[in-house]
Protein backbone atom coordinates (compact mmCIF):
# COMPACT_ATOMS: atom_id res chain seq x y z
CA MET A 1 -9.75 5.22 -21.53
CA SER A 2 -7.79 7.16 -18.82
CA VAL A 3 -4.11 7.11 -19.33
CA GLU A 4 -3.21 6.42 -15.62
CA ALA A 5 -4.75 6.38 -12.17
CA PHE A 6 -4.64 9.34 -10.07
CA HIS A 7 -2.27 9.36 -7.12
CA GLY A 8 -0.67 11.76 -4.50
CA GLY A 9 2.77 12.94 -4.94
CA ALA A 10 1.86 16.76 -5.84
CA PHE A 11 4.52 17.75 -3.23
CA PHE A 12 7.12 17.25 -6.00
CA ASP A 13 5.69 20.36 -7.62
CA ALA A 14 7.32 22.24 -4.78
CA ILE A 15 10.62 20.32 -4.83
CA GLY A 16 10.95 20.00 -8.68
CA VAL A 17 10.85 16.80 -10.64
CA ASP A 18 14.19 17.57 -12.21
CA LEU A 19 15.56 16.77 -8.63
CA ARG A 20 18.06 19.85 -8.77
CA HIS A 21 16.97 21.17 -5.68
CA LEU A 22 16.34 18.23 -3.22
CA GLU A 23 17.18 20.66 -0.38
CA ARG A 24 13.58 22.03 -0.83
CA SER A 25 12.37 18.77 0.68
CA GLU A 26 13.37 19.93 4.18
CA SER A 27 10.61 22.58 3.99
CA VAL A 28 7.88 20.55 2.25
CA ILE A 29 5.33 18.42 4.05
CA SER A 30 4.49 15.60 1.88
CA ALA A 31 1.38 14.34 3.67
CA ASP A 32 -0.35 13.42 0.31
CA VAL A 33 1.67 10.24 0.03
CA LEU A 34 2.07 7.47 2.52
CA ASP A 35 5.84 7.32 2.75
CA ALA A 36 7.22 6.44 6.23
CA TRP A 37 8.02 9.43 8.47
CA PHE A 38 11.03 7.56 9.76
CA ASP A 39 14.37 6.73 8.08
CA PRO A 40 15.20 3.04 7.02
CA SER A 41 17.04 0.91 9.58
CA PRO A 42 20.58 1.95 10.45
CA ARG A 43 21.55 -1.48 9.15
CA VAL A 44 20.16 -0.53 5.68
CA ILE A 45 21.87 2.82 5.61
CA ALA A 46 25.18 1.34 6.83
CA ALA A 47 25.17 -1.25 4.03
CA LEU A 48 24.25 1.14 1.32
CA ARG A 49 26.95 3.66 2.37
CA GLU A 50 29.61 1.03 2.55
CA TYR A 51 28.89 -0.67 -0.84
CA LEU A 52 27.13 2.17 -2.74
CA PRO A 53 29.47 2.16 -5.77
CA PHE A 54 29.15 -1.41 -6.17
CA LEU A 55 25.44 -1.62 -5.82
CA LEU A 56 24.94 1.11 -8.27
CA ARG A 57 27.28 -0.13 -11.02
CA THR A 58 26.56 -3.92 -10.74
CA SER A 59 23.70 -5.96 -12.25
CA PRO A 60 21.70 -7.71 -9.65
CA PRO A 61 21.01 -11.56 -9.52
CA ASN A 62 18.81 -12.48 -12.36
CA HIS A 63 15.77 -13.29 -10.45
CA ALA A 64 16.33 -11.72 -7.06
CA GLU A 65 17.04 -15.27 -5.82
CA GLY A 66 18.62 -14.01 -2.56
CA PHE A 67 15.88 -11.54 -1.77
CA VAL A 68 13.21 -14.36 -2.39
CA GLU A 69 14.96 -16.67 0.05
CA GLU A 70 15.21 -13.89 2.67
CA VAL A 71 11.50 -13.22 2.30
CA ALA A 72 10.60 -16.93 2.54
CA ARG A 73 12.84 -17.14 5.64
CA TRP A 74 11.28 -14.29 7.59
CA ARG A 75 7.71 -14.85 6.38
CA GLU A 76 7.91 -18.68 6.80
CA VAL A 77 6.46 -19.40 3.32
CA PRO A 78 8.01 -21.68 0.66
CA ALA A 79 10.32 -19.72 -1.76
CA GLU A 80 8.50 -21.14 -4.71
CA CYS A 81 5.51 -19.16 -3.58
CA VAL A 82 7.22 -15.77 -3.72
CA LEU A 83 7.51 -13.51 -6.73
CA PRO A 84 9.64 -10.40 -6.48
CA GLY A 85 8.89 -7.08 -8.16
CA SER A 86 10.02 -3.33 -8.26
CA GLY A 87 7.19 -2.13 -6.10
CA SER A 88 3.62 -3.51 -5.71
CA SER A 89 2.29 -1.57 -8.70
CA SER A 90 4.85 -3.31 -10.88
CA LEU A 91 3.57 -6.82 -9.75
CA LEU A 92 -0.10 -5.73 -10.07
CA PHE A 93 0.40 -4.64 -13.76
CA ALA A 94 2.40 -7.85 -14.54
CA CYS A 95 0.26 -10.32 -12.75
CA LEU A 96 -3.35 -9.20 -12.55
CA PRO A 97 -3.77 -9.37 -16.38
CA ARG A 98 -2.48 -12.92 -16.17
CA LEU A 99 -4.89 -13.88 -13.29
CA LEU A 100 -7.99 -12.20 -14.76
CA ARG A 101 -9.23 -12.32 -18.40
CA PRO A 102 -10.08 -9.18 -20.38
CA GLY A 103 -13.70 -8.14 -19.74
CA CYS A 104 -13.78 -9.77 -16.26
CA ARG A 105 -16.13 -8.70 -13.40
CA ALA A 106 -14.35 -7.80 -10.32
CA MET A 107 -15.53 -6.42 -6.99
CA LEU A 108 -13.56 -3.61 -5.26
CA LEU A 109 -14.22 -1.81 -1.97
CA ASP A 110 -15.16 1.80 -2.34
CA PRO A 111 -13.12 3.66 -1.38
CA MET A 112 -9.93 1.91 -2.08
CA TYR A 113 -6.56 2.30 -3.77
CA SER A 114 -7.26 3.65 -7.27
CA GLU A 115 -4.80 1.54 -9.33
CA TYR A 116 -7.04 -1.60 -8.97
CA GLU A 117 -10.05 0.18 -10.62
CA HIS A 118 -7.65 1.42 -13.34
CA ILE A 119 -6.41 -1.99 -14.16
CA ILE A 120 -9.60 -3.70 -14.13
CA GLY A 121 -11.82 -0.98 -15.66
CA ASP A 122 -9.38 0.79 -18.07
CA LEU A 123 -6.74 -1.82 -19.04
CA LEU A 124 -8.83 -5.01 -18.89
CA GLN A 125 -12.11 -3.30 -19.94
CA GLY A 126 -13.69 -5.28 -17.22
CA GLU A 127 -16.69 -4.48 -15.21
CA VAL A 128 -15.94 -2.92 -11.72
CA LEU A 129 -18.43 -3.74 -9.09
CA ARG A 130 -18.13 -1.29 -6.22
CA HIS A 131 -18.94 -2.42 -2.70
CA ALA A 132 -19.63 0.90 -1.02
CA LEU A 133 -18.31 1.15 2.61
CA SER A 134 -20.49 3.05 5.07
CA GLU A 135 -19.27 6.30 6.51
CA GLU A 136 -21.57 5.81 9.47
CA ARG A 137 -19.42 2.79 10.20
CA ASP A 138 -16.20 4.76 9.66
CA PHE A 139 -15.65 2.88 6.33
CA GLU A 140 -15.18 -0.56 8.07
CA VAL A 141 -15.85 -3.59 6.11
CA ASP A 142 -19.09 -5.40 7.05
CA PRO A 143 -18.40 -8.99 6.24
CA GLU A 144 -22.08 -10.21 5.86
CA THR A 145 -22.75 -7.30 3.41
CA LEU A 146 -19.88 -7.94 1.42
CA LEU A 147 -20.33 -11.74 1.38
CA GLU A 148 -23.92 -11.16 0.32
CA GLY A 149 -22.84 -8.93 -2.58
CA VAL A 150 -20.24 -11.46 -3.71
CA CYS A 151 -22.76 -14.37 -3.75
CA ARG A 152 -25.43 -12.20 -5.46
CA LEU A 153 -23.26 -10.66 -8.16
CA GLY A 154 -20.86 -13.50 -8.68
CA PRO A 155 -17.69 -11.60 -9.61
CA GLU A 156 -14.64 -13.54 -10.84
CA ALA A 157 -12.50 -11.67 -8.30
CA VAL A 158 -12.63 -9.48 -5.01
CA LEU A 159 -9.75 -7.29 -4.59
CA LEU A 160 -9.01 -5.86 -1.11
CA VAL A 161 -6.53 -3.54 0.56
CA ASN A 162 -5.93 -4.42 4.30
CA PRO A 163 -5.56 -2.10 6.16
CA ASN A 164 -7.64 -0.32 3.54
CA ASN A 165 -6.18 2.64 1.74
CA PRO A 166 -7.28 5.48 2.23
CA THR A 167 -9.35 4.79 5.22
CA GLY A 168 -6.81 2.93 7.42
CA GLN A 169 -9.41 0.44 8.73
CA LEU A 170 -8.27 -3.13 9.32
CA TRP A 171 -10.30 -6.31 8.56
CA PRO A 172 -8.98 -8.71 11.23
CA ARG A 173 -7.39 -11.82 9.85
CA ALA A 174 -9.93 -13.98 11.51
CA GLY A 175 -12.72 -12.15 9.69
CA ILE A 176 -11.04 -12.50 6.21
CA LEU A 177 -10.41 -16.30 6.79
CA SER A 178 -14.06 -16.82 7.58
CA PHE A 179 -14.92 -14.81 4.46
CA LEU A 180 -12.51 -16.91 2.29
CA ASP A 181 -14.00 -20.13 3.78
CA GLN A 182 -17.56 -18.95 2.62
CA VAL A 183 -16.89 -17.50 -0.94
CA PRO A 184 -17.06 -19.92 -3.91
CA PRO A 185 -13.64 -21.43 -4.32
CA GLU A 186 -13.53 -20.31 -8.03
CA ILE A 187 -13.58 -16.54 -7.00
CA LEU A 188 -10.06 -15.10 -6.86
CA ILE A 189 -9.36 -13.01 -3.62
CA VAL A 190 -6.40 -10.57 -3.90
CA VAL A 191 -5.38 -9.01 -0.68
CA ASP A 192 -2.86 -6.03 -0.66
CA GLU A 193 -1.17 -5.90 2.61
CA THR A 194 0.95 -2.87 1.92
CA TYR A 195 0.46 -1.36 5.28
CA LEU A 196 -0.17 -4.41 7.40
CA GLU A 197 3.04 -4.44 9.42
CA TYR A 198 1.90 -1.17 11.14
CA VAL A 199 -0.75 -3.39 12.74
CA GLY A 200 1.25 -6.51 13.16
CA ALA A 201 2.68 -9.41 11.05
CA SER A 202 0.43 -11.84 12.81
CA GLU A 203 -2.51 -10.45 10.80
CA SER A 204 -0.90 -11.35 7.58
CA LEU A 205 -2.48 -13.94 5.06
CA GLU A 206 0.87 -14.78 3.43
CA GLY A 207 0.81 -18.32 4.79
CA GLU A 208 -2.62 -18.82 3.70
CA ALA A 209 -1.84 -17.61 0.25
CA ALA A 210 0.88 -20.26 -0.11
CA ARG A 211 -1.77 -22.96 0.66
CA ARG A 212 -5.02 -21.59 -1.08
CA ARG A 213 -5.38 -21.70 -4.79
CA ASN A 214 -7.82 -18.74 -4.89
CA LEU A 215 -5.83 -16.27 -2.65
CA VAL A 216 -3.00 -13.94 -3.65
CA VAL A 217 -1.33 -11.58 -1.30
CA ILE A 218 0.67 -8.50 -2.43
CA LYS A 219 3.34 -7.04 -0.17
CA SER A 220 5.05 -3.75 -0.69
CA MET A 221 8.19 -2.89 1.24
CA SER A 222 7.89 0.83 0.56
CA LYS A 223 5.76 2.26 3.34
CA VAL A 224 6.42 0.02 6.31
CA TYR A 225 10.27 -0.38 5.72
CA ALA A 226 10.78 3.37 4.61
CA LEU A 227 11.96 2.10 1.19
CA SER A 228 9.52 3.85 -1.14
CA GLY A 229 12.26 5.29 -3.24
CA ALA A 230 13.89 1.96 -3.70
CA ARG A 231 10.92 0.19 -5.32
CA VAL A 232 10.72 -3.35 -3.91
CA ALA A 233 7.83 -5.73 -3.28
CA TYR A 234 6.86 -9.30 -3.56
CA LEU A 235 3.75 -11.47 -4.16
CA VAL A 236 2.80 -14.69 -2.40
CA ALA A 237 0.62 -17.23 -4.15
CA HIS A 238 0.02 -21.02 -4.27
CA PRO A 239 2.94 -22.79 -5.94
CA GLU A 240 0.97 -23.62 -9.05
CA ILE A 241 -0.29 -20.04 -9.34
CA ALA A 242 3.21 -18.57 -8.79
CA ALA A 243 4.65 -21.02 -11.34
CA ASN A 244 2.14 -19.70 -14.02
CA LEU A 245 2.98 -16.02 -13.22
CA ARG A 246 6.75 -16.31 -12.98
CA PRO A 247 7.54 -16.38 -16.67
CA TRP A 248 5.77 -12.96 -17.13
CA LEU A 249 8.16 -11.26 -14.65
CA PRO A 250 11.13 -9.62 -16.36
CA PRO A 251 14.68 -10.55 -15.54
CA TRP A 252 16.43 -8.50 -12.90
CA PRO A 253 12.92 -7.64 -11.33
CA VAL A 254 14.45 -5.68 -8.43
CA GLY A 255 17.57 -3.45 -8.48
CA LEU A 256 20.61 -4.56 -6.67
CA LEU A 257 20.48 -1.48 -4.31
CA ALA A 258 16.81 -2.10 -3.47
CA GLN A 259 17.55 -5.78 -2.84
CA ALA A 260 20.37 -4.97 -0.35
CA ALA A 261 18.21 -2.41 1.33
CA ALA A 262 15.16 -4.80 1.60
CA MET A 263 17.06 -7.75 2.88
CA GLU A 264 18.82 -5.65 5.52
CA ALA A 265 15.42 -4.28 6.59
CA LEU A 266 14.05 -7.62 7.00
CA ARG A 267 16.93 -8.59 9.35
CA ASP A 268 16.24 -5.66 11.66
CA PRO A 269 12.53 -6.30 13.00
CA GLY A 270 13.16 -4.71 16.27
CA TYR A 271 14.08 -1.27 14.89
CA TYR A 272 10.90 -1.24 12.73
CA ALA A 273 8.72 -2.50 15.65
CA ALA A 274 9.75 0.49 17.56
CA ARG A 275 9.12 2.81 14.68
CA TYR A 276 5.47 1.37 14.24
CA ALA A 277 4.83 1.93 17.93
CA GLU A 278 5.97 5.56 17.50
CA THR A 279 3.65 5.89 14.47
CA HIS A 280 0.57 4.91 16.53
CA SER A 281 1.57 7.47 19.02
CA LEU A 282 2.07 10.19 16.63
CA ARG A 283 -1.12 9.29 14.76
CA ALA A 284 -3.21 9.40 17.89
CA ASP A 285 -1.93 12.75 18.96
CA LEU A 286 -2.18 14.30 15.49
CA ALA A 287 -5.87 12.98 15.19
CA ALA A 288 -6.69 14.35 18.69
CA ARG A 289 -5.34 17.73 17.82
CA LEU A 290 -7.48 17.68 14.47
CA ALA A 291 -10.67 16.63 16.34
CA HIS A 292 -12.42 19.64 14.78
CA LEU A 293 -12.01 17.90 11.25
CA SER A 294 -13.79 14.69 12.26
CA PRO A 295 -10.95 12.23 11.77
CA CYS A 296 -11.82 8.65 11.09
CA PRO A 297 -10.27 5.79 13.01
CA SER A 298 -7.19 4.22 11.51
CA ARG A 299 -4.59 1.40 12.17
CA ALA A 300 -2.12 2.62 9.76
CA ASN A 301 0.19 5.60 9.27
CA TYR A 302 -2.70 7.72 7.77
CA PHE A 303 -6.23 8.62 8.40
CA LEU A 304 -9.10 10.56 6.75
CA VAL A 305 -10.57 14.03 7.83
CA ARG A 306 -13.78 15.60 6.79
CA PRO A 307 -13.41 19.32 6.55
CA PRO A 308 -16.19 21.56 5.61
CA ASP A 309 -14.55 22.46 2.25
CA ALA A 310 -11.89 19.88 1.54
CA ALA A 311 -10.75 21.38 -2.02
CA ALA A 312 -10.44 24.90 -0.52
CA LEU A 313 -8.48 23.64 2.44
CA ALA A 314 -6.11 21.58 0.39
CA ALA A 315 -5.49 24.59 -2.04
CA ARG A 316 -4.85 26.82 0.89
CA LEU A 317 -2.18 24.44 2.38
CA ARG A 318 -0.53 23.86 -0.94
CA ARG A 319 0.55 27.55 -1.01
CA ARG A 320 2.30 26.78 2.33
CA ASP A 321 4.03 23.84 0.75
CA ILE A 322 1.80 21.40 2.81
CA PHE A 323 0.22 18.73 0.64
CA LEU A 324 -2.73 16.46 1.54
CA ARG A 325 -4.37 13.74 -0.51
CA GLU A 326 -7.51 14.92 -2.31
CA PHE A 327 -9.91 12.57 -4.14
CA ARG A 328 -11.24 13.12 -7.65
CA SER A 329 -13.89 10.42 -7.68
CA GLY A 330 -15.79 7.90 -5.57
CA LEU A 331 -17.29 8.38 -2.08
CA LEU A 332 -14.78 10.62 -0.82
CA ALA A 333 -14.53 13.22 -3.81
CA GLY A 334 -14.92 16.72 -2.53
CA ARG A 335 -15.65 15.61 0.95
CA CYS A 336 -12.49 14.15 2.53
CA LEU A 337 -8.80 14.55 2.68
CA ARG A 338 -6.20 11.83 3.58
CA ILE A 339 -3.41 12.84 5.90
CA SER A 340 -0.21 10.76 6.43
CA VAL A 341 1.50 10.88 9.76
CA LYS A 342 4.84 12.76 9.77
CA ASN A 343 7.31 13.49 12.38
CA ALA A 344 6.58 15.41 15.53
CA ALA A 345 7.84 18.66 14.28
CA GLN A 346 6.06 18.35 10.88
CA ASN A 347 2.81 17.29 12.72
CA VAL A 348 2.97 20.48 14.67
CA ARG A 349 3.15 22.37 11.60
CA LEU A 350 0.25 20.55 10.00
CA VAL A 351 -1.88 21.24 13.08
CA GLU A 352 -1.02 24.89 13.06
CA ALA A 353 -1.94 25.23 9.42
CA LEU A 354 -5.17 23.04 9.78
CA SER A 355 -6.25 25.22 12.72
């Protein structure tokens, strides 16, 4: 059994995991992770600066009640359907083993975020059914093919990331709803919407998850709200499902500083809408400049490229403190690299290095 899933984050090798030289971060391009290129809302920064000593020394509300109410208000879902967590991975590790039995059979997209395969295959000792996405279709989900596979193989769960990581492809809300209406109701559908706000909140299934017993939605506030270091997320599920999961969450599930940051971020949608628009512009410009690497279409803050020798290119860039996401297994192994969108100056440096 593997100890952990493989992730990006190698850029900390250049900074130092002891955090004694954070000034090095100014010269490192961390395009191997999907952190936002922009800063959190000025409202977030102002609140943290004004109350930082209090937020650091003080225990948070026992069950993040205020954060839950704020999410419910902005997402228009009942508070009893919302479960808070210190990042989406924290919720996945706490909740998936309660939603699925050991030895279960679950269908995953391939390629897709590696933590799901780790939890199903390694921790639950389940059978991972991989639904391969076609590179000829730029890794878009083919709803008919997926539905046929689900009906033929009969998994207990289907796990999705939308927009998908690492491809950046969106499965439109209407298409997923049609899929949900056709799959057998006993099959659990888990949709990870970590990057959805880059596309638009109207594409979210949070409201549907509050009504459907076989749908769970995971929401991270890391990437779309520039809060990756704070570790804050939530899960939306039918009230009965949420009630069954809630006892398995620890007390103080989200730190006080993280709660304050997340709630101020939710209160400033205009700031983030502007940053998402800039992200799309930066991504389009960067992809156009890297046309020689055959970039794949994307709707999020990242995209795939297909260089002749992915491993050699990534190694060469690491020596210049530029880090891209490599893949050790699956359809993309040795063939593709994932690049996250950075600010304009860093994107110029990326283009120069990749040219």
